Amino acid sequence: MVIELGSVVEGVVSRITPFGAFVDIEGGKNGLIHISEISNVYVKDVHDFLAEGDKIQAKVVSIDDRGKIALSLKQMKQNQEQNQEISSMPPPRNKFARSDRVERNISDNRKPLRPVSASFEDKLSKFMKDSDERQADIKRKTDSKRGGRGSRRSD
């Protein structure tokens, strides 16, 4: 079996070390999954994710001059997730559609309509408007309390 860069290989975890896991690949070769290439989350101990004897699929990340093969579970999972996201995405919308239009939920036509998410500029202008209103309220409230003694004379 020819192992190429970027291909997905099957193997069995043969040994676990503090820095990663060694995998016996088909054809009598072995590769290393470095601890940084096991998962997207922080991996403190490789044993939390892999065990000796586990049959896994990993992506070939690199092959150096000495024939050492670097494998990655993380990159393979990312590729699978991207493929799933692409297949589950709704068809592209009309590029001339207005952002304030309302779209139906594709999975269930009986659900109520929901507004299309606003653009960044719309969100920013709404935030600025709300912020200005809050600042004006605070200023009005604090101005009436200022003055301390002597501001009101009882003559």
N, C-alpha and C. Protein backbone atom coordinates (compact mmCIF):
# COMPACT_ATOMS: atom_id res chain seq x y z
N MET A 1 0.84 -1.18 0.00
CA MET A 1 0.00 0.00 0.00
C MET A 1 0.89 1.25 0.00
N VAL A 2 0.60 2.18 -0.88
CA VAL A 2 1.36 3.41 -0.97
C VAL A 2 0.69 4.45 -0.07
N ILE A 3 1.49 5.04 0.81
CA ILE A 3 0.97 6.05 1.72
C ILE A 3 1.33 7.41 1.15
N GLU A 4 0.29 8.21 0.88
CA GLU A 4 0.50 9.53 0.31
C GLU A 4 0.10 10.62 1.30
N LEU A 5 0.66 11.76 1.11
CA LEU A 5 0.34 12.92 1.93
C LEU A 5 -1.13 13.29 1.74
N GLY A 6 -1.87 13.44 2.84
CA GLY A 6 -3.27 13.82 2.78
C GLY A 6 -4.23 12.65 2.70
N SER A 7 -3.72 11.43 2.55
CA SER A 7 -4.61 10.27 2.48
C SER A 7 -5.03 9.82 3.87
N VAL A 8 -6.11 9.08 3.93
CA VAL A 8 -6.62 8.55 5.19
C VAL A 8 -6.20 7.09 5.28
N VAL A 9 -5.58 6.73 6.41
CA VAL A 9 -5.11 5.36 6.61
C VAL A 9 -5.76 4.77 7.85
N GLU A 10 -5.87 3.44 7.84
CA GLU A 10 -6.38 2.73 9.01
C GLU A 10 -5.21 2.09 9.72
N GLY A 11 -5.35 2.00 11.04
CA GLY A 11 -4.30 1.37 11.81
C GLY A 11 -4.77 1.03 13.20
N VAL A 12 -3.85 0.42 13.95
CA VAL A 12 -4.13 0.02 15.32
C VAL A 12 -3.12 0.71 16.22
N VAL A 13 -3.61 1.30 17.31
CA VAL A 13 -2.73 1.98 18.26
C VAL A 13 -1.87 0.92 18.94
N SER A 14 -0.54 1.03 18.75
CA SER A 14 0.37 0.02 19.31
C SER A 14 1.02 0.46 20.61
N ARG A 15 1.23 1.78 20.76
CA ARG A 15 1.90 2.26 21.96
C ARG A 15 1.50 3.70 22.23
N ILE A 16 1.32 4.02 23.51
CA ILE A 16 0.97 5.38 23.90
C ILE A 16 2.10 5.94 24.75
N THR A 17 2.52 7.15 24.40
CA THR A 17 3.58 7.83 25.13
C THR A 17 3.03 9.17 25.63
N PRO A 18 3.77 9.88 26.48
CA PRO A 18 3.29 11.18 26.96
C PRO A 18 3.14 12.22 25.84
N PHE A 19 3.83 12.02 24.71
CA PHE A 19 3.78 13.01 23.63
C PHE A 19 2.90 12.59 22.46
N GLY A 20 2.27 11.42 22.52
CA GLY A 20 1.41 11.00 21.44
C GLY A 20 1.17 9.51 21.43
N ALA A 21 0.73 9.00 20.29
CA ALA A 21 0.43 7.58 20.15
C ALA A 21 1.02 7.05 18.85
N PHE A 22 1.63 5.87 18.93
CA PHE A 22 2.17 5.22 17.74
C PHE A 22 1.11 4.29 17.18
N VAL A 23 0.97 4.31 15.85
CA VAL A 23 -0.07 3.53 15.18
C VAL A 23 0.59 2.62 14.16
N ASP A 24 0.26 1.31 14.22
CA ASP A 24 0.71 0.37 13.20
C ASP A 24 -0.22 0.47 12.00
N ILE A 25 0.35 0.87 10.88
CA ILE A 25 -0.42 1.07 9.65
C ILE A 25 -0.28 -0.16 8.78
N GLU A 26 -1.22 -0.35 7.88
CA GLU A 26 -1.16 -1.45 6.93
C GLU A 26 0.16 -1.40 6.17
N GLY A 27 0.72 -2.54 5.87
CA GLY A 27 1.97 -2.60 5.13
C GLY A 27 3.19 -2.64 6.04
N GLY A 28 3.00 -2.87 7.33
CA GLY A 28 4.11 -3.00 8.26
C GLY A 28 4.75 -1.70 8.67
N LYS A 29 4.16 -0.58 8.33
CA LYS A 29 4.72 0.71 8.71
C LYS A 29 4.02 1.21 9.96
N ASN A 30 4.64 2.18 10.60
CA ASN A 30 3.96 2.81 11.74
C ASN A 30 4.13 4.32 11.67
N GLY A 31 3.17 5.02 12.29
CA GLY A 31 3.17 6.47 12.29
C GLY A 31 2.89 6.98 13.68
N LEU A 32 3.08 8.27 13.86
CA LEU A 32 2.88 8.90 15.16
C LEU A 32 1.77 9.94 15.06
N ILE A 33 0.85 9.87 16.01
CA ILE A 33 -0.15 10.92 16.17
C ILE A 33 0.34 11.75 17.34
N HIS A 34 0.83 12.95 17.06
CA HIS A 34 1.33 13.82 18.12
C HIS A 34 0.16 14.26 19.00
N ILE A 35 0.44 14.54 20.25
CA ILE A 35 -0.60 14.92 21.21
C ILE A 35 -1.40 16.14 20.73
N SER A 36 -0.74 17.02 19.99
CA SER A 36 -1.43 18.22 19.49
C SER A 36 -2.37 17.91 18.33
N GLU A 37 -2.26 16.72 17.75
CA GLU A 37 -3.09 16.34 16.60
C GLU A 37 -4.16 15.32 16.96
N ILE A 38 -4.42 15.13 18.27
CA ILE A 38 -5.41 14.14 18.69
C ILE A 38 -6.81 14.73 18.70
N SER A 39 -6.96 15.94 19.25
CA SER A 39 -8.29 16.52 19.37
C SER A 39 -8.21 18.04 19.32
N ASN A 40 -9.38 18.67 19.08
CA ASN A 40 -9.45 20.13 19.08
C ASN A 40 -9.42 20.71 20.48
N VAL A 41 -9.73 19.91 21.48
CA VAL A 41 -9.69 20.37 22.86
C VAL A 41 -8.33 20.04 23.45
N TYR A 42 -8.03 20.65 24.61
CA TYR A 42 -6.74 20.43 25.26
C TYR A 42 -6.61 18.97 25.68
N VAL A 43 -5.51 18.34 25.30
CA VAL A 43 -5.26 16.95 25.63
C VAL A 43 -4.16 16.91 26.69
N LYS A 44 -4.56 16.62 27.92
CA LYS A 44 -3.58 16.52 29.00
C LYS A 44 -2.95 15.13 29.01
N ASP A 45 -3.78 14.12 28.77
CA ASP A 45 -3.29 12.74 28.77
C ASP A 45 -3.85 12.03 27.55
N VAL A 46 -3.00 11.41 26.78
CA VAL A 46 -3.41 10.72 25.56
C VAL A 46 -4.36 9.57 25.89
N HIS A 47 -4.20 8.97 27.07
CA HIS A 47 -5.04 7.84 27.47
C HIS A 47 -6.52 8.24 27.58
N ASP A 48 -6.80 9.53 27.73
CA ASP A 48 -8.19 9.99 27.81
C ASP A 48 -8.90 9.86 26.46
N PHE A 49 -8.13 9.79 25.37
CA PHE A 49 -8.71 9.76 24.03
C PHE A 49 -8.44 8.45 23.30
N LEU A 50 -7.31 7.83 23.57
CA LEU A 50 -6.94 6.60 22.85
C LEU A 50 -6.49 5.53 23.84
N ALA A 51 -6.61 4.29 23.42
CA ALA A 51 -6.11 3.16 24.22
C ALA A 51 -5.36 2.22 23.27
N GLU A 52 -4.42 1.48 23.81
CA GLU A 52 -3.68 0.53 23.00
C GLU A 52 -4.64 -0.53 22.46
N GLY A 53 -4.51 -0.82 21.18
CA GLY A 53 -5.37 -1.80 20.54
C GLY A 53 -6.56 -1.17 19.82
N ASP A 54 -6.77 0.14 19.98
CA ASP A 54 -7.87 0.82 19.28
C ASP A 54 -7.60 0.82 17.79
N LYS A 55 -8.64 0.50 17.01
CA LYS A 55 -8.53 0.57 15.56
C LYS A 55 -9.05 1.95 15.15
N ILE A 56 -8.20 2.73 14.47
CA ILE A 56 -8.55 4.11 14.15
C ILE A 56 -8.27 4.42 12.69
N GLN A 57 -8.83 5.53 12.23
CA GLN A 57 -8.51 6.09 10.93
C GLN A 57 -7.90 7.45 11.18
N ALA A 58 -6.81 7.76 10.48
CA ALA A 58 -6.13 9.04 10.66
C ALA A 58 -5.66 9.56 9.31
N LYS A 59 -5.47 10.85 9.26
CA LYS A 59 -5.00 11.51 8.04
C LYS A 59 -3.49 11.63 8.07
N VAL A 60 -2.83 11.37 6.94
CA VAL A 60 -1.37 11.51 6.84
C VAL A 60 -1.06 12.99 6.67
N VAL A 61 -0.34 13.55 7.66
CA VAL A 61 -0.03 14.98 7.65
C VAL A 61 1.32 15.23 6.98
N SER A 62 2.29 14.39 7.27
CA SER A 62 3.59 14.58 6.65
C SER A 62 4.38 13.27 6.65
N ILE A 63 5.32 13.20 5.71
CA ILE A 63 6.25 12.09 5.63
C ILE A 63 7.62 12.71 5.43
N ASP A 64 8.54 12.47 6.38
CA ASP A 64 9.85 13.12 6.26
C ASP A 64 10.83 12.26 5.46
N ASP A 65 12.06 12.74 5.33
CA ASP A 65 13.08 12.08 4.51
C ASP A 65 13.42 10.69 5.03
N ARG A 66 13.32 10.50 6.34
CA ARG A 66 13.67 9.21 6.94
C ARG A 66 12.50 8.23 6.92
N GLY A 67 11.37 8.66 6.37
CA GLY A 67 10.22 7.78 6.27
C GLY A 67 9.28 7.83 7.45
N LYS A 68 9.50 8.77 8.36
CA LYS A 68 8.61 8.89 9.51
C LYS A 68 7.29 9.50 9.05
N ILE A 69 6.22 8.89 9.52
CA ILE A 69 4.88 9.32 9.09
C ILE A 69 4.18 10.01 10.25
N ALA A 70 3.73 11.23 10.01
CA ALA A 70 2.98 11.98 11.02
C ALA A 70 1.50 11.89 10.67
N LEU A 71 0.70 11.51 11.66
CA LEU A 71 -0.74 11.33 11.46
C LEU A 71 -1.52 12.34 12.28
N SER A 72 -2.78 12.53 11.92
CA SER A 72 -3.63 13.48 12.64
C SER A 72 -5.06 12.97 12.70
N LEU A 73 -5.61 12.89 13.90
CA LEU A 73 -7.03 12.61 14.08
C LEU A 73 -7.82 13.90 13.97
N LYS A 74 -7.24 14.98 14.48
CA LYS A 74 -7.93 16.28 14.51
C LYS A 74 -8.27 16.76 13.10
N GLN A 75 -7.32 16.71 12.19
CA GLN A 75 -7.56 17.20 10.83
C GLN A 75 -8.55 16.32 10.09
N MET A 76 -8.55 15.02 10.38
CA MET A 76 -9.51 14.14 9.74
C MET A 76 -10.93 14.45 10.23
N LYS A 77 -11.07 14.71 11.53
CA LYS A 77 -12.39 15.06 12.08
C LYS A 77 -12.87 16.39 11.51
N GLN A 78 -11.96 17.35 11.35
CA GLN A 78 -12.34 18.64 10.78
C GLN A 78 -12.83 18.47 9.35
N ASN A 79 -12.16 17.63 8.57
CA ASN A 79 -12.59 17.39 7.19
C ASN A 79 -13.96 16.74 7.15
N GLN A 80 -14.20 15.78 8.06
CA GLN A 80 -15.50 15.12 8.11
C GLN A 80 -16.59 16.11 8.49
N GLU A 81 -16.31 16.97 9.48
CA GLU A 81 -17.30 17.95 9.92
C GLU A 81 -17.60 18.94 8.80
N GLN A 82 -16.57 19.36 8.06
CA GLN A 82 -16.79 20.29 6.95
C GLN A 82 -17.65 19.64 5.88
N ASN A 83 -17.40 18.37 5.60
CA ASN A 83 -18.19 17.67 4.60
C ASN A 83 -19.65 17.55 5.05
N GLN A 84 -19.86 17.28 6.34
CA GLN A 84 -21.22 17.18 6.86
C GLN A 84 -21.91 18.54 6.81
N GLU A 85 -21.19 19.60 7.15
CA GLU A 85 -21.77 20.94 7.11
C GLU A 85 -22.17 21.32 5.70
N ILE A 86 -21.35 20.99 4.74
CA ILE A 86 -21.64 21.33 3.36
C ILE A 86 -22.86 20.57 2.88
N SER A 87 -22.97 19.29 3.24
CA SER A 87 -24.11 18.50 2.78
C SER A 87 -25.41 18.91 3.48
N SER A 88 -25.31 19.45 4.70
CA SER A 88 -26.52 19.82 5.44
C SER A 88 -26.91 21.28 5.23
N MET A 89 -26.12 22.03 4.50
CA MET A 89 -26.42 23.44 4.27
C MET A 89 -27.59 23.59 3.31
N PRO A 90 -28.46 24.58 3.54
CA PRO A 90 -29.54 24.83 2.60
C PRO A 90 -28.97 25.39 1.30
N PRO A 91 -29.73 25.33 0.23
CA PRO A 91 -29.22 25.85 -1.03
C PRO A 91 -28.95 27.35 -0.91
N PRO A 92 -28.01 27.88 -1.68
CA PRO A 92 -27.67 29.29 -1.58
C PRO A 92 -28.87 30.17 -1.92
N ARG A 93 -28.95 31.29 -1.23
CA ARG A 93 -30.04 32.22 -1.46
C ARG A 93 -29.74 33.11 -2.64
N ASN A 94 -30.76 33.76 -3.12
CA ASN A 94 -30.62 34.71 -4.21
C ASN A 94 -29.69 35.83 -3.76
N LYS A 95 -28.69 36.17 -4.55
CA LYS A 95 -27.73 37.18 -4.13
C LYS A 95 -28.33 38.58 -4.10
N PHE A 96 -29.53 38.74 -4.68
CA PHE A 96 -30.18 40.04 -4.67
C PHE A 96 -31.23 40.14 -3.56
N ALA A 97 -31.32 39.11 -2.72
CA ALA A 97 -32.33 39.12 -1.66
C ALA A 97 -31.99 40.19 -0.63
N ARG A 98 -33.01 40.85 -0.11
CA ARG A 98 -32.81 41.88 0.91
C ARG A 98 -32.64 41.22 2.26
N SER A 99 -31.82 41.82 3.12
CA SER A 99 -31.52 41.21 4.41
C SER A 99 -32.67 41.34 5.39
N ASP A 100 -33.63 42.25 5.16
CA ASP A 100 -34.72 42.43 6.10
C ASP A 100 -35.92 41.55 5.76
N ARG A 101 -35.80 40.72 4.74
CA ARG A 101 -36.89 39.81 4.41
C ARG A 101 -36.96 38.70 5.44
N VAL A 102 -38.07 38.03 5.46
CA VAL A 102 -38.28 36.95 6.42
C VAL A 102 -38.21 35.63 5.67
N GLU A 103 -37.52 34.64 6.28
CA GLU A 103 -37.43 33.33 5.64
C GLU A 103 -38.13 32.28 6.49
N ARG A 104 -38.60 31.25 5.85
CA ARG A 104 -39.26 30.16 6.56
C ARG A 104 -38.21 29.15 7.00
N ASN A 105 -38.51 28.48 8.09
CA ASN A 105 -37.65 27.40 8.52
C ASN A 105 -37.84 26.26 7.52
N ILE A 106 -36.78 25.80 6.90
CA ILE A 106 -36.86 24.82 5.82
C ILE A 106 -37.37 23.48 6.31
N SER A 107 -37.01 23.07 7.53
CA SER A 107 -37.36 21.75 8.01
C SER A 107 -38.85 21.60 8.33
N ASP A 108 -39.53 22.68 8.70
CA ASP A 108 -40.93 22.58 9.07
C ASP A 108 -41.66 23.85 8.66
N ASN A 109 -42.55 23.74 7.70
CA ASN A 109 -43.25 24.92 7.19
C ASN A 109 -44.28 25.46 8.17
N ARG A 110 -44.64 24.70 9.20
CA ARG A 110 -45.64 25.15 10.14
C ARG A 110 -45.06 26.06 11.23
N LYS A 111 -43.77 26.10 11.36
CA LYS A 111 -43.15 26.95 12.37
C LYS A 111 -43.31 28.41 11.99
N PRO A 112 -43.32 29.29 12.98
CA PRO A 112 -43.49 30.72 12.66
C PRO A 112 -42.28 31.27 11.91
N LEU A 113 -42.53 32.38 11.25
CA LEU A 113 -41.47 33.04 10.50
C LEU A 113 -40.45 33.65 11.44
N ARG A 114 -39.20 33.68 11.02
CA ARG A 114 -38.16 34.32 11.82
C ARG A 114 -37.37 35.25 10.92
N PRO A 115 -36.91 36.36 11.49
CA PRO A 115 -36.16 37.32 10.66
C PRO A 115 -34.78 36.78 10.31
N VAL A 116 -34.31 37.17 9.16
CA VAL A 116 -32.96 36.81 8.74
C VAL A 116 -31.99 37.58 9.62
N SER A 117 -30.87 36.95 9.98
CA SER A 117 -29.92 37.61 10.86
C SER A 117 -29.41 38.90 10.24
N ALA A 118 -29.27 39.90 11.08
CA ALA A 118 -28.85 41.22 10.62
C ALA A 118 -27.35 41.24 10.32
N SER A 119 -26.95 42.19 9.49
CA SER A 119 -25.54 42.31 9.17
C SER A 119 -24.80 42.96 10.34
N PHE A 120 -23.51 42.97 10.27
CA PHE A 120 -22.69 43.54 11.33
C PHE A 120 -22.99 45.02 11.52
N GLU A 121 -23.14 45.74 10.42
CA GLU A 121 -23.40 47.18 10.49
C GLU A 121 -24.74 47.45 11.18
N ASP A 122 -25.75 46.63 10.88
CA ASP A 122 -27.05 46.79 11.52
C ASP A 122 -26.95 46.55 13.03
N LYS A 123 -26.23 45.50 13.39
CA LYS A 123 -26.06 45.19 14.82
C LYS A 123 -25.31 46.31 15.53
N LEU A 124 -24.27 46.83 14.87
CA LEU A 124 -23.47 47.89 15.46
C LEU A 124 -24.30 49.16 15.65
N SER A 125 -25.09 49.53 14.65
CA SER A 125 -25.90 50.75 14.79
C SER A 125 -26.96 50.59 15.87
N LYS A 126 -27.54 49.40 16.00
CA LYS A 126 -28.52 49.15 17.07
C LYS A 126 -27.84 49.26 18.43
N PHE A 127 -26.65 48.67 18.55
CA PHE A 127 -25.91 48.75 19.81
C PHE A 127 -25.60 50.20 20.17
N MET A 128 -25.13 50.99 19.20
CA MET A 128 -24.80 52.39 19.45
C MET A 128 -26.03 53.17 19.88
N LYS A 129 -27.16 52.92 19.26
CA LYS A 129 -28.40 53.61 19.61
C LYS A 129 -28.80 53.28 21.05
N ASP A 130 -28.78 51.98 21.39
CA ASP A 130 -29.12 51.56 22.75
C ASP A 130 -28.15 52.14 23.77
N SER A 131 -26.89 52.17 23.42
CA SER A 131 -25.87 52.70 24.32
C SER A 131 -26.08 54.19 24.57
N ASP A 132 -26.36 54.94 23.51
CA ASP A 132 -26.61 56.38 23.66
C ASP A 132 -27.83 56.64 24.54
N GLU A 133 -28.89 55.83 24.35
CA GLU A 133 -30.09 56.00 25.18
C GLU A 133 -29.78 55.73 26.65
N ARG A 134 -29.01 54.69 26.91
CA ARG A 134 -28.65 54.37 28.30
C ARG A 134 -27.80 55.48 28.92
N GLN A 135 -26.84 55.98 28.16
CA GLN A 135 -25.99 57.06 28.66
C GLN A 135 -26.82 58.30 28.97
N ALA A 136 -27.79 58.63 28.11
CA ALA A 136 -28.65 59.80 28.34
C ALA A 136 -29.48 59.61 29.60
N ASP A 137 -30.01 58.40 29.82
CA ASP A 137 -30.78 58.12 31.04
C ASP A 137 -29.92 58.28 32.29
N ILE A 138 -28.72 57.75 32.25
CA ILE A 138 -27.82 57.86 33.40
C ILE A 138 -27.48 59.32 33.67
N LYS A 139 -27.20 60.06 32.62
CA LYS A 139 -26.85 61.47 32.79
C LYS A 139 -28.01 62.25 33.39
N ARG A 140 -29.23 61.99 32.91
CA ARG A 140 -30.41 62.66 33.45
C ARG A 140 -30.59 62.37 34.94
N LYS A 141 -30.40 61.13 35.32
CA LYS A 141 -30.58 60.73 36.71
C LYS A 141 -29.51 61.32 37.61
N THR A 142 -28.28 61.33 37.16
CA THR A 142 -27.20 61.85 38.01
C THR A 142 -27.20 63.37 38.07
N ASP A 143 -27.64 64.05 37.02
CA ASP A 143 -27.69 65.52 37.04
C ASP A 143 -28.68 66.03 38.08
N SER A 144 -29.78 65.32 38.27
CA SER A 144 -30.77 65.76 39.25
C SER A 144 -30.27 65.57 40.68
N LYS A 145 -29.32 64.70 40.86
CA LYS A 145 -28.80 64.43 42.21
C LYS A 145 -27.58 65.30 42.54
N ARG A 146 -27.04 65.97 41.57
CA ARG A 146 -25.85 66.78 41.81
C ARG A 146 -26.22 68.08 42.51
N GLY A 147 -25.23 68.74 42.98
CA GLY A 147 -25.45 70.05 43.61
C GLY A 147 -25.19 69.99 45.12
N GLY A 148 -25.47 68.91 45.75
CA GLY A 148 -25.20 68.77 47.17
C GLY A 148 -25.97 69.79 48.00
N ARG A 149 -25.34 70.29 49.08
CA ARG A 149 -26.01 71.23 49.97
C ARG A 149 -26.08 72.62 49.32
N GLY A 150 -27.13 73.26 49.58
CA GLY A 150 -27.26 74.63 49.09
C GLY A 150 -27.83 74.73 47.70
N SER A 151 -28.04 73.63 47.04
CA SER A 151 -28.60 73.75 45.71
C SER A 151 -30.08 74.10 45.76
N ARG A 152 -30.72 73.72 46.82
CA ARG A 152 -32.13 74.08 47.02
C ARG A 152 -32.22 74.99 48.23
N ARG A 153 -32.72 76.16 48.01
CA ARG A 153 -32.83 77.09 49.13
C ARG A 153 -34.27 77.17 49.56
N SER A 154 -34.46 77.14 50.83
CA SER A 154 -35.82 77.24 51.33
C SER A 154 -36.00 78.62 51.96
N ASP A 155 -36.28 79.62 51.19
CA ASP A 155 -36.51 80.99 51.70
C ASP A 155 -37.93 81.30 51.84
